[in-house]
C-alpha atoms as a PDB file:
ATOM      1  CA  UNK A   1     -47.864  -0.270 -19.295  1.00  0.00           C
ATOM      2  CA  UNK A   2     -44.686   1.644 -18.575  1.00  0.00           C
ATOM      3  CA  UNK A   3     -43.678  -0.929 -15.987  1.00  0.00           C
ATOM      4  CA  UNK A   4     -43.939  -3.732 -18.548  1.00  0.00           C
ATOM      5  CA  UNK A   5     -41.906  -1.753 -21.050  1.00  0.00           C
ATOM      6  CA  UNK A   6     -39.232  -1.091 -18.443  1.00  0.00           C
ATOM      7  CA  UNK A   7     -39.114  -4.769 -17.488  1.00  0.00           C
ATOM      8  CA  UNK A   8     -38.889  -5.795 -21.140  1.00  0.00           C
ATOM      9  CA  UNK A   9     -36.119  -3.252 -21.739  1.00  0.00           C
ATOM     10  CA  UNK A  10     -34.286  -4.484 -18.653  1.00  0.00           C
ATOM     11  CA  UNK A  11     -34.476  -8.101 -19.791  1.00  0.00           C
ATOM     12  CA  UNK A  12     -33.373  -7.146 -23.306  1.00  0.00           C
ATOM     13  CA  UNK A  13     -30.430  -5.149 -21.958  1.00  0.00           C
ATOM     14  CA  UNK A  14     -29.411  -8.040 -19.702  1.00  0.00           C
ATOM     15  CA  UNK A  15     -29.577 -10.493 -22.604  1.00  0.00           C
ATOM     16  CA  UNK A  16     -27.495  -8.243 -24.869  1.00  0.00           C
ATOM     17  CA  UNK A  17     -24.883  -7.611 -22.186  1.00  0.00           C
ATOM     18  CA  UNK A  18     -24.775 -11.327 -21.399  1.00  0.00           C
ATOM     19  CA  UNK A  19     -24.143 -12.139 -25.055  1.00  0.00           C
ATOM     20  CA  UNK A  20     -21.382  -9.530 -25.228  1.00  0.00           C
ATOM     21  CA  UNK A  21     -19.843 -10.948 -22.046  1.00  0.00           C
ATOM     22  CA  UNK A  22     -19.773 -14.443 -23.527  1.00  0.00           C
ATOM     23  CA  UNK A  23     -18.151 -13.020 -26.663  1.00  0.00           C
ATOM     24  CA  UNK A  24     -15.399 -11.364 -24.625  1.00  0.00           C
ATOM     25  CA  UNK A  25     -14.901 -14.495 -22.505  1.00  0.00           C
ATOM     26  CA  UNK A  26     -14.542 -16.784 -25.530  1.00  0.00           C
ATOM     27  CA  UNK A  27     -10.737 -16.356 -25.899  1.00  0.00           C
ATOM     28  CA  UNK A  28     -10.283 -17.022 -22.181  1.00  0.00           C
ATOM     29  CA  UNK A  29     -12.456 -20.142 -22.360  1.00  0.00           C
ATOM     30  CA  UNK A  30     -10.536 -21.378 -25.406  1.00  0.00           C
ATOM     31  CA  UNK A  31      -7.232 -20.768 -23.601  1.00  0.00           C
ATOM     32  CA  UNK A  32      -8.372 -22.768 -20.563  1.00  0.00           C
ATOM     33  CA  UNK A  33      -9.663 -25.530 -22.826  1.00  0.00           C
ATOM     34  CA  UNK A  34      -6.433 -25.694 -24.852  1.00  0.00           C
ATOM     35  CA  UNK A  35      -4.336 -25.758 -21.667  1.00  0.00           C
ATOM     36  CA  UNK A  36      -6.164 -28.936 -20.655  1.00  0.00           C
ATOM     37  CA  UNK A  37      -5.648 -30.840 -23.926  1.00  0.00           C
ATOM     38  CA  UNK A  38      -3.000 -32.928 -25.584  1.00  0.00           C
ATOM     39  CA  UNK A  39      -1.182 -30.983 -28.276  1.00  0.00           C
ATOM     40  CA  UNK A  40      -2.726 -33.041 -31.087  1.00  0.00           C
ATOM     41  CA  UNK A  41      -6.248 -32.072 -29.931  1.00  0.00           C
ATOM     42  CA  UNK A  42      -5.752 -28.292 -29.715  1.00  0.00           C
ATOM     43  CA  UNK A  43      -6.324 -27.439 -33.402  1.00  0.00           C
ATOM     44  CA  UNK A  44      -9.052 -29.998 -34.027  1.00  0.00           C
ATOM     45  CA  UNK A  45     -12.013 -28.582 -35.962  1.00  0.00           C
ATOM     46  CA  UNK A  46     -14.758 -28.158 -34.926  1.00  0.00           C
ATOM     47  CA  UNK A  47     -13.392 -26.845 -31.628  1.00  0.00           C
ATOM     48  CA  UNK A  48     -13.720 -29.188 -28.659  1.00  0.00           C
ATOM     49  CA  UNK A  49     -14.587 -26.747 -25.894  1.00  0.00           C
ATOM     50  CA  UNK A  50     -14.625 -29.600 -23.400  1.00  0.00           C
ATOM     51  CA  UNK A  51     -11.517 -31.771 -23.969  1.00  0.00           C
ATOM     52  CA  UNK A  52     -12.210 -35.346 -24.955  1.00  0.00           C
ATOM     53  CA  UNK A  53      -8.929 -36.369 -23.335  1.00  0.00           C
ATOM     54  CA  UNK A  54      -7.677 -34.348 -20.370  1.00  0.00           C
ATOM     55  CA  UNK A  55      -3.990 -33.544 -19.992  1.00  0.00           C
ATOM     56  CA  UNK A  56      -4.205 -30.637 -17.533  1.00  0.00           C
ATOM     57  CA  UNK A  57      -1.952 -32.077 -14.822  1.00  0.00           C
ATOM     58  CA  UNK A  58       0.842 -33.098 -17.190  1.00  0.00           C
ATOM     59  CA  UNK A  59       0.800 -29.730 -18.955  1.00  0.00           C
ATOM     60  CA  UNK A  60       0.897 -27.975 -15.594  1.00  0.00           C
ATOM     61  CA  UNK A  61       3.902 -30.024 -14.438  1.00  0.00           C
ATOM     62  CA  UNK A  62       5.726 -29.499 -17.720  1.00  0.00           C
ATOM     63  CA  UNK A  63       5.288 -25.718 -17.566  1.00  0.00           C
ATOM     64  CA  UNK A  64       6.351 -25.298 -13.957  1.00  0.00           C
ATOM     65  CA  UNK A  65       9.232 -27.797 -14.115  1.00  0.00           C
ATOM     66  CA  UNK A  66      10.640 -26.713 -17.473  1.00  0.00           C
ATOM     67  CA  UNK A  67      14.117 -25.294 -18.050  1.00  0.00           C
ATOM     68  CA  UNK A  68      12.616 -21.816 -18.583  1.00  0.00           C
ATOM     69  CA  UNK A  69      12.316 -21.327 -14.787  1.00  0.00           C
ATOM     70  CA  UNK A  70       8.672 -20.298 -14.922  1.00  0.00           C
ATOM     71  CA  UNK A  71       8.392 -20.465 -11.138  1.00  0.00           C
ATOM     72  CA  UNK A  72      11.229 -17.932 -10.758  1.00  0.00           C
ATOM     73  CA  UNK A  73       9.494 -15.499 -13.104  1.00  0.00           C
ATOM     74  CA  UNK A  74       6.307 -15.949 -11.103  1.00  0.00           C
ATOM     75  CA  UNK A  75       8.108 -15.171  -7.846  1.00  0.00           C
ATOM     76  CA  UNK A  76       9.745 -12.100  -9.389  1.00  0.00           C
ATOM     77  CA  UNK A  77       6.371 -10.764 -10.492  1.00  0.00           C
ATOM     78  CA  UNK A  78       4.849 -11.355  -7.070  1.00  0.00           C
ATOM     79  CA  UNK A  79       7.762  -9.581  -5.375  1.00  0.00           C
ATOM     80  CA  UNK A  80       7.712  -6.587  -7.716  1.00  0.00           C
ATOM     81  CA  UNK A  81       3.931  -6.193  -7.738  1.00  0.00           C
ATOM     82  CA  UNK A  82       3.598  -6.529  -3.958  1.00  0.00           C
ATOM     83  CA  UNK A  83       6.449  -4.097  -3.212  1.00  0.00           C
ATOM     84  CA  UNK A  84       5.254  -1.489  -5.718  1.00  0.00           C
ATOM     85  CA  UNK A  85       1.684  -1.736  -4.498  1.00  0.00           C
ATOM     86  CA  UNK A  86       2.579  -1.353  -0.829  1.00  0.00           C
ATOM     87  CA  UNK A  87       4.968   1.568  -1.394  1.00  0.00           C
ATOM     88  CA  UNK A  88       2.535   3.297  -3.757  1.00  0.00           C
ATOM     89  CA  UNK A  89      -0.184   3.114  -1.112  1.00  0.00           C
ATOM     90  CA  UNK A  90       2.149   4.655   1.464  1.00  0.00           C
ATOM     91  CA  UNK A  91       3.596   7.431  -0.722  1.00  0.00           C
ATOM     92  CA  UNK A  92       0.369   8.356  -2.531  1.00  0.00           C
ATOM     93  CA  UNK A  93      -1.770   8.390   0.624  1.00  0.00           C
ATOM     94  CA  UNK A  94       0.708  10.620   2.455  1.00  0.00           C
ATOM     95  CA  UNK A  95       0.954  12.994  -0.511  1.00  0.00           C
ATOM     96  CA  UNK A  96      -2.817  13.074  -0.916  1.00  0.00           C
ATOM     97  CA  UNK A  97      -3.313  13.818   2.783  1.00  0.00           C
ATOM     98  CA  UNK A  98      -0.934  16.778   2.580  1.00  0.00           C
ATOM     99  CA  UNK A  99      -2.605  18.148  -0.551  1.00  0.00           C
ATOM    100  CA  UNK A 100      -6.135  17.626   0.761  1.00  0.00           C
ATOM    101  CA  UNK A 101      -6.018  18.479   4.477  1.00  0.00           C
ATOM    102  CA  UNK A 102      -2.842  20.406   5.312  1.00  0.00           C
ATOM    103  CA  UNK A 103      -2.792  24.147   4.773  1.00  0.00           C
ATOM    104  CA  UNK A 104       0.507  25.527   3.484  1.00  0.00           C
ATOM    105  CA  UNK A 105       1.577  28.212   1.072  1.00  0.00           C
ATOM    106  CA  UNK A 106       1.609  27.088  -2.532  1.00  0.00           C
ATOM    107  CA  UNK A 107      -0.521  23.988  -1.952  1.00  0.00           C
ATOM    108  CA  UNK A 108      -2.837  24.596  -4.916  1.00  0.00           C
ATOM    109  CA  UNK A 109       0.112  25.550  -7.118  1.00  0.00           C
ATOM    110  CA  UNK A 110       1.911  22.349  -6.159  1.00  0.00           C
ATOM    111  CA  UNK A 111      -1.202  20.316  -6.945  1.00  0.00           C
ATOM    112  CA  UNK A 112      -1.621  22.078 -10.294  1.00  0.00           C
ATOM    113  CA  UNK A 113       2.003  21.394 -11.236  1.00  0.00           C
ATOM    114  CA  UNK A 114       1.568  17.779 -10.189  1.00  0.00           C
ATOM    115  CA  UNK A 115      -1.460  17.375 -12.438  1.00  0.00           C
ATOM    116  CA  UNK A 116       0.308  19.067 -15.338  1.00  0.00           C
ATOM    117  CA  UNK A 117       2.940  16.321 -15.243  1.00  0.00           C
ATOM    118  CA  UNK A 118       0.263  13.781 -16.171  1.00  0.00           C
ATOM    119  CA  UNK A 119       0.293  15.050 -19.772  1.00  0.00           C
ATOM    120  CA  UNK A 120       3.904  13.868 -20.227  1.00  0.00           C
ATOM    121  CA  UNK A 121       3.898  10.459 -21.958  1.00  0.00           C
ATOM    122  CA  UNK A 122       5.611   7.675 -20.077  1.00  0.00           C
ATOM    123  CA  UNK A 123       7.811   6.982 -23.087  1.00  0.00           C
ATOM    124  CA  UNK A 124       9.230  10.517 -22.965  1.00  0.00           C
ATOM    125  CA  UNK A 125      10.869   9.814 -19.598  1.00  0.00           C
ATOM    126  CA  UNK A 126      12.539   6.521 -20.518  1.00  0.00           C
ATOM    127  CA  UNK A 127      15.951   8.008 -21.274  1.00  0.00           C
ATOM    128  CA  UNK A 128      16.096  10.226 -18.136  1.00  0.00           C
ATOM    129  CA  UNK A 129      15.029   7.281 -15.988  1.00  0.00           C
ATOM    130  CA  UNK A 130      17.625   5.062 -17.622  1.00  0.00           C
ATOM    131  CA  UNK A 131      20.366   7.617 -16.883  1.00  0.00           C
ATOM    132  CA  UNK A 132      19.215   8.060 -13.277  1.00  0.00           C
ATOM    133  CA  UNK A 133      19.259   4.333 -12.651  1.00  0.00           C
ATOM    134  CA  UNK A 134      22.739   4.115 -14.160  1.00  0.00           C
ATOM    135  CA  UNK A 135      24.021   6.967 -11.967  1.00  0.00           C
ATOM    136  CA  UNK A 136      22.562   5.449  -8.788  1.00  0.00           C
ATOM    137  CA  UNK A 137      23.748   1.932  -9.748  1.00  0.00           C
ATOM    138  CA  UNK A 138      20.181   0.625  -9.741  1.00  0.00           C
ATOM    139  CA  UNK A 139      20.087  -0.495 -13.364  1.00  0.00           C
ATOM    140  CA  UNK A 140      19.339  -4.193 -13.854  1.00  0.00           C
ATOM    141  CA  UNK A 141      17.889  -4.592 -10.368  1.00  0.00           C
ATOM    142  CA  UNK A 142      14.441  -5.067  -8.879  1.00  0.00           C
ATOM    143  CA  UNK A 143      15.095  -2.154  -6.534  1.00  0.00           C
ATOM    144  CA  UNK A 144      15.373   0.223  -9.490  1.00  0.00           C
ATOM    145  CA  UNK A 145      11.993  -0.889 -10.851  1.00  0.00           C
ATOM    146  CA  UNK A 146      10.399  -0.637  -7.406  1.00  0.00           C
ATOM    147  CA  UNK A 147      11.723   2.887  -6.809  1.00  0.00           C
ATOM    148  CA  UNK A 148      10.366   4.043 -10.171  1.00  0.00           C
ATOM    149  CA  UNK A 149       7.053   2.285  -9.668  1.00  0.00           C
ATOM    150  CA  UNK A 150       6.275   3.572  -6.179  1.00  0.00           C
ATOM    151  CA  UNK A 151       5.339   7.091  -7.329  1.00  0.00           C
ATOM    152  CA  UNK A 152       2.034   7.775  -9.066  1.00  0.00           C
ATOM    153  CA  UNK A 153       0.415  11.128  -9.831  1.00  0.00           C
ATOM    154  CA  UNK A 154      -2.827   9.428 -10.836  1.00  0.00           C
ATOM    155  CA  UNK A 155      -3.247   7.566  -7.549  1.00  0.00           C
ATOM    156  CA  UNK A 156      -2.270  10.665  -5.557  1.00  0.00           C
ATOM    157  CA  UNK A 157      -5.010  12.567  -7.380  1.00  0.00           C
ATOM    158  CA  UNK A 158      -7.531   9.776  -6.815  1.00  0.00           C
ATOM    159  CA  UNK A 159      -6.800   9.616  -3.085  1.00  0.00           C
ATOM    160  CA  UNK A 160      -6.825  13.404  -2.716  1.00  0.00           C
ATOM    161  CA  UNK A 161     -10.265  13.645  -4.301  1.00  0.00           C
ATOM    162  CA  UNK A 162     -11.570  11.082  -1.847  1.00  0.00           C
ATOM    163  CA  UNK A 163      -9.973  12.758   1.176  1.00  0.00           C
ATOM    164  CA  UNK A 164     -11.424  16.137   0.275  1.00  0.00           C
ATOM    165  CA  UNK A 165     -14.879  14.623   0.753  1.00  0.00           C
ATOM    166  CA  UNK A 166     -14.077  13.704   4.374  1.00  0.00           C
ATOM    167  CA  UNK A 167     -15.348  16.400   6.739  1.00  0.00           C
ATOM    168  CA  UNK A 168     -12.756  18.445   8.578  1.00  0.00           C
ATOM    169  CA  UNK A 169     -14.805  18.026  11.766  1.00  0.00           C
ATOM    170  CA  UNK A 170     -13.060  14.689  12.341  1.00  0.00           C
ATOM    171  CA  UNK A 171      -9.671  16.373  12.159  1.00  0.00           C
ATOM    172  CA  UNK A 172     -10.681  19.297  14.389  1.00  0.00           C
ATOM    173  CA  UNK A 173     -12.052  16.940  17.027  1.00  0.00           C
ATOM    174  CA  UNK A 174      -8.831  14.943  16.968  1.00  0.00           C
ATOM    175  CA  UNK A 175      -6.770  18.115  17.319  1.00  0.00           C
ATOM    176  CA  UNK A 176      -8.804  19.156  20.353  1.00  0.00           C
ATOM    177  CA  UNK A 177      -7.931  15.790  21.915  1.00  0.00           C
ATOM    178  CA  UNK A 178      -4.251  16.522  21.359  1.00  0.00           C
ATOM    179  CA  UNK A 179      -3.670  14.384  18.265  1.00  0.00           C
ATOM    180  CA  UNK A 180      -0.967  15.458  15.824  1.00  0.00           C
ATOM    181  CA  UNK A 181      -1.078  15.126  12.052  1.00  0.00           C
ATOM    182  CA  UNK A 182       0.685  11.765  12.129  1.00  0.00           C
ATOM    183  CA  UNK A 183      -1.905  10.299  14.489  1.00  0.00           C
ATOM    184  CA  UNK A 184      -4.757  11.886  12.536  1.00  0.00           C
ATOM    185  CA  UNK A 185      -3.428  10.379   9.317  1.00  0.00           C
ATOM    186  CA  UNK A 186      -2.943   6.894  10.762  1.00  0.00           C
ATOM    187  CA  UNK A 187      -5.974   6.638  13.049  1.00  0.00           C
ATOM    188  CA  UNK A 188      -8.608   8.690  11.211  1.00  0.00           C
ATOM    189  CA  UNK A 189      -7.845   9.241   7.531  1.00  0.00           C
ATOM    190  CA  UNK A 190      -6.570   5.797   6.584  1.00  0.00           C
ATOM    191  CA  UNK A 191      -9.512   3.874   8.138  1.00  0.00           C
ATOM    192  CA  UNK A 192     -11.974   6.225   6.405  1.00  0.00           C
ATOM    193  CA  UNK A 193     -10.163   5.731   3.091  1.00  0.00           C
ATOM    194  CA  UNK A 194     -10.341   1.935   3.033  1.00  0.00           C
ATOM    195  CA  UNK A 195     -12.517   1.714  -0.140  1.00  0.00           C
ATOM    196  CA  UNK A 196     -10.263   3.944  -2.230  1.00  0.00           C
ATOM    197  CA  UNK A 197      -7.096   2.389  -0.770  1.00  0.00           C
ATOM    198  CA  UNK A 198      -8.364  -1.052  -1.774  1.00  0.00           C
ATOM    199  CA  UNK A 199      -9.069   0.249  -5.271  1.00  0.00           C
ATOM    200  CA  UNK A 200      -5.639   1.820  -5.621  1.00  0.00           C
ATOM    201  CA  UNK A 201      -3.976  -1.341  -4.331  1.00  0.00           C
ATOM    202  CA  UNK A 202      -5.824  -3.612  -6.726  1.00  0.00           C
ATOM    203  CA  UNK A 203      -5.267  -1.449  -9.807  1.00  0.00           C
ATOM    204  CA  UNK A 204      -1.597  -0.896  -8.974  1.00  0.00           C
ATOM    205  CA  UNK A 205      -1.065  -4.626  -8.444  1.00  0.00           C
ATOM    206  CA  UNK A 206      -2.619  -5.402 -11.834  1.00  0.00           C
ATOM    207  CA  UNK A 207      -0.580  -2.708 -13.596  1.00  0.00           C
ATOM    208  CA  UNK A 208       2.644  -3.854 -11.942  1.00  0.00           C
ATOM    209  CA  UNK A 209       1.958  -7.497 -12.763  1.00  0.00           C
ATOM    210  CA  UNK A 210       1.301  -6.691 -16.435  1.00  0.00           C
ATOM    211  CA  UNK A 211       4.168  -4.216 -16.872  1.00  0.00           C
ATOM    212  CA  UNK A 212       6.235  -5.217 -19.884  1.00  0.00           C
ATOM    213  CA  UNK A 213       8.025  -2.049 -20.942  1.00  0.00           C
ATOM    214  CA  UNK A 214       9.818  -1.289 -17.671  1.00  0.00           C
ATOM    215  CA  UNK A 215      11.439  -4.703 -17.140  1.00  0.00           C
ATOM    216  CA  UNK A 216      12.249  -4.950 -20.855  1.00  0.00           C
ATOM    217  CA  UNK A 217      14.301  -1.738 -20.760  1.00  0.00           C
ATOM    218  CA  UNK A 218      15.694  -1.718 -17.224  1.00  0.00           C
ATOM    219  CA  UNK A 219      16.496  -5.412 -16.709  1.00  0.00           C
ATOM    220  CA  UNK A 220      19.169  -7.469 -18.465  1.00  0.00           C
ATOM    221  CA  UNK A 221      19.622 -10.590 -16.334  1.00  0.00           C
ATOM    222  CA  UNK A 222      17.112 -13.294 -17.168  1.00  0.00           C
ATOM    223  CA  UNK A 223      16.915 -14.437 -13.551  1.00  0.00           C
ATOM    224  CA  UNK A 224      15.353 -11.045 -12.722  1.00  0.00           C
ATOM    225  CA  UNK A 225      12.643 -11.253 -15.376  1.00  0.00           C
ATOM    226  CA  UNK A 226       8.974 -11.064 -14.294  1.00  0.00           C
ATOM    227  CA  UNK A 227       6.147 -13.003 -15.916  1.00  0.00           C
ATOM    228  CA  UNK A 228       5.627 -10.763 -19.031  1.00  0.00           C
ATOM    229  CA  UNK A 229       9.268 -11.192 -20.117  1.00  0.00           C
ATOM    230  CA  UNK A 230       9.347 -14.788 -18.925  1.00  0.00           C
ATOM    231  CA  UNK A 231       6.409 -15.559 -21.195  1.00  0.00           C
ATOM    232  CA  UNK A 232       8.422 -14.369 -24.189  1.00  0.00           C
ATOM    233  CA  UNK A 233      11.230 -16.761 -23.286  1.00  0.00           C
ATOM    234  CA  UNK A 234       8.723 -19.551 -22.750  1.00  0.00           C
ATOM    235  CA  UNK A 235       7.051 -18.959 -26.125  1.00  0.00           C
ATOM    236  CA  UNK A 236      10.413 -18.974 -27.919  1.00  0.00           C
ATOM    237  CA  UNK A 237      11.275 -22.270 -26.183  1.00  0.00           C
ATOM    238  CA  UNK A 238       7.888 -23.936 -26.793  1.00  0.00           C
ATOM    239  CA  UNK A 239       6.757 -22.098 -29.926  1.00  0.00           C
ATOM    240  CA  UNK A 240       5.467 -25.289 -31.527  1.00  0.00           C
ATOM    241  CA  UNK A 241       3.492 -26.442 -28.468  1.00  0.00           C
ATOM    242  CA  UNK A 242       0.245 -24.492 -28.175  1.00  0.00           C
ATOM    243  CA  UNK A 243      -1.129 -26.430 -25.192  1.00  0.00           C
ATOM    244  CA  UNK A 244       1.923 -25.636 -23.030  1.00  0.00           C
ATOM    245  CA  UNK A 245       1.883 -21.996 -24.106  1.00  0.00           C
ATOM    246  CA  UNK A 246      -1.782 -21.743 -23.161  1.00  0.00           C
ATOM    247  CA  UNK A 247      -1.082 -23.399 -19.798  1.00  0.00           C
ATOM    248  CA  UNK A 248       1.692 -20.863 -19.114  1.00  0.00           C
ATOM    249  CA  UNK A 249      -0.631 -18.006 -20.117  1.00  0.00           C
ATOM    250  CA  UNK A 250      -3.408 -19.361 -17.919  1.00  0.00           C
ATOM    251  CA  UNK A 251      -1.031 -19.651 -14.956  1.00  0.00           C
ATOM    252  CA  UNK A 252       0.159 -16.085 -15.533  1.00  0.00           C
ATOM    253  CA  UNK A 253      -3.309 -14.534 -15.326  1.00  0.00           C
ATOM    254  CA  UNK A 254      -4.664 -16.546 -12.375  1.00  0.00           C
ATOM    255  CA  UNK A 255      -3.711 -13.923  -9.708  1.00  0.00           C
ATOM    256  CA  UNK A 256      -5.290 -11.144 -11.752  1.00  0.00           C
ATOM    257  CA  UNK A 257      -8.486 -13.102 -12.314  1.00  0.00           C
ATOM    258  CA  UNK A 258      -8.806 -13.906  -8.619  1.00  0.00           C
ATOM    259  CA  UNK A 259      -8.201 -10.280  -7.606  1.00  0.00           C
ATOM    260  CA  UNK A 260     -10.679  -8.899 -10.103  1.00  0.00           C
ATOM    261  CA  UNK A 261     -13.424 -11.491  -9.582  1.00  0.00           C
ATOM    262  CA  UNK A 262     -13.319 -11.203  -5.795  1.00  0.00           C
ATOM    263  CA  UNK A 263     -12.923  -7.427  -5.553  1.00  0.00           C
ATOM    264  CA  UNK A 264     -14.435  -6.007  -8.738  1.00  0.00           C
ATOM    265  CA  UNK A 265     -17.295  -4.272  -6.876  1.00  0.00           C
ATOM    266  CA  UNK A 266     -14.860  -2.520  -4.590  1.00  0.00           C
ATOM    267  CA  UNK A 267     -12.783  -1.390  -7.557  1.00  0.00           C
ATOM    268  CA  UNK A 268     -15.782   0.197  -9.275  1.00  0.00           C
ATOM    269  CA  UNK A 269     -17.044   1.733  -6.040  1.00  0.00           C
ATOM    270  CA  UNK A 270     -13.683   3.187  -5.146  1.00  0.00           C
ATOM    271  CA  UNK A 271     -13.132   4.735  -8.588  1.00  0.00           C
ATOM    272  CA  UNK A 272     -16.646   6.233  -8.528  1.00  0.00           C
ATOM    273  CA  UNK A 273     -16.167   7.715  -5.059  1.00  0.00           C
ATOM    274  CA  UNK A 274     -12.719   9.014  -5.874  1.00  0.00           C
ATOM    275  CA  UNK A 275     -13.969  10.653  -9.037  1.00  0.00           C
ATOM    276  CA  UNK A 276     -16.992  12.450  -7.656  1.00  0.00           C
ATOM    277  CA  UNK A 277     -15.890  13.543  -4.184  1.00  0.00           C
ATOM    278  CA  UNK A 278     -14.444  17.011  -3.838  1.00  0.00           C
END
């Protein structure tokens, strides 16, 4: 009897979650549908979820070959997101290794101070960061954004929690074989941390790709704009053309959709492991 009830509850839960998923996917489906239509068919009621007349290729060409330089914005976003992600993985993993496995005076105090900085809102540091970039002549440059984006207390904490769960026996055995901390970090810790490193990389890439505030404040030249700012220019240029705006929006989220769909299990697994270990 209990088994039947559990099965019925499982099916009911699946049905409810499926319905909620469809509800959340509806705007995305409408966007993809509108991007494939002629402008005159976008606002037709009732909604034509499957376009009666397809115009996907022409809309795609018009977006990518327009005067707004959509392709340049796309390249800028790829460059910024890739650079920030790679440097964040390097800096955060090294910091986490030191805080998790190296013994030095004041380690716990340093970690406590690091965590305390997480309570400071990002907006509270805008003016100091602006002044620093001005002083170092990095304002209005991709390098300035990359330098600011390569440091992350949250990802350092996440990686540290994962590394604490790795037994010290691996490190002691490596030391007995004559390995130094650099070799231990590169040959032992990093391979064992692949799940959490993948998670950090994916989340950081998504955050960097979607970042609107940083480029808005620290970039002036339009040729340096990433996708979020480029979309604003595109919408102001094609405000009266919904199908082209939807095509630009669809193009902008394709990398994020591919990353999340392909690696969503690894993201969830890595966050879970990073949160419970240690």
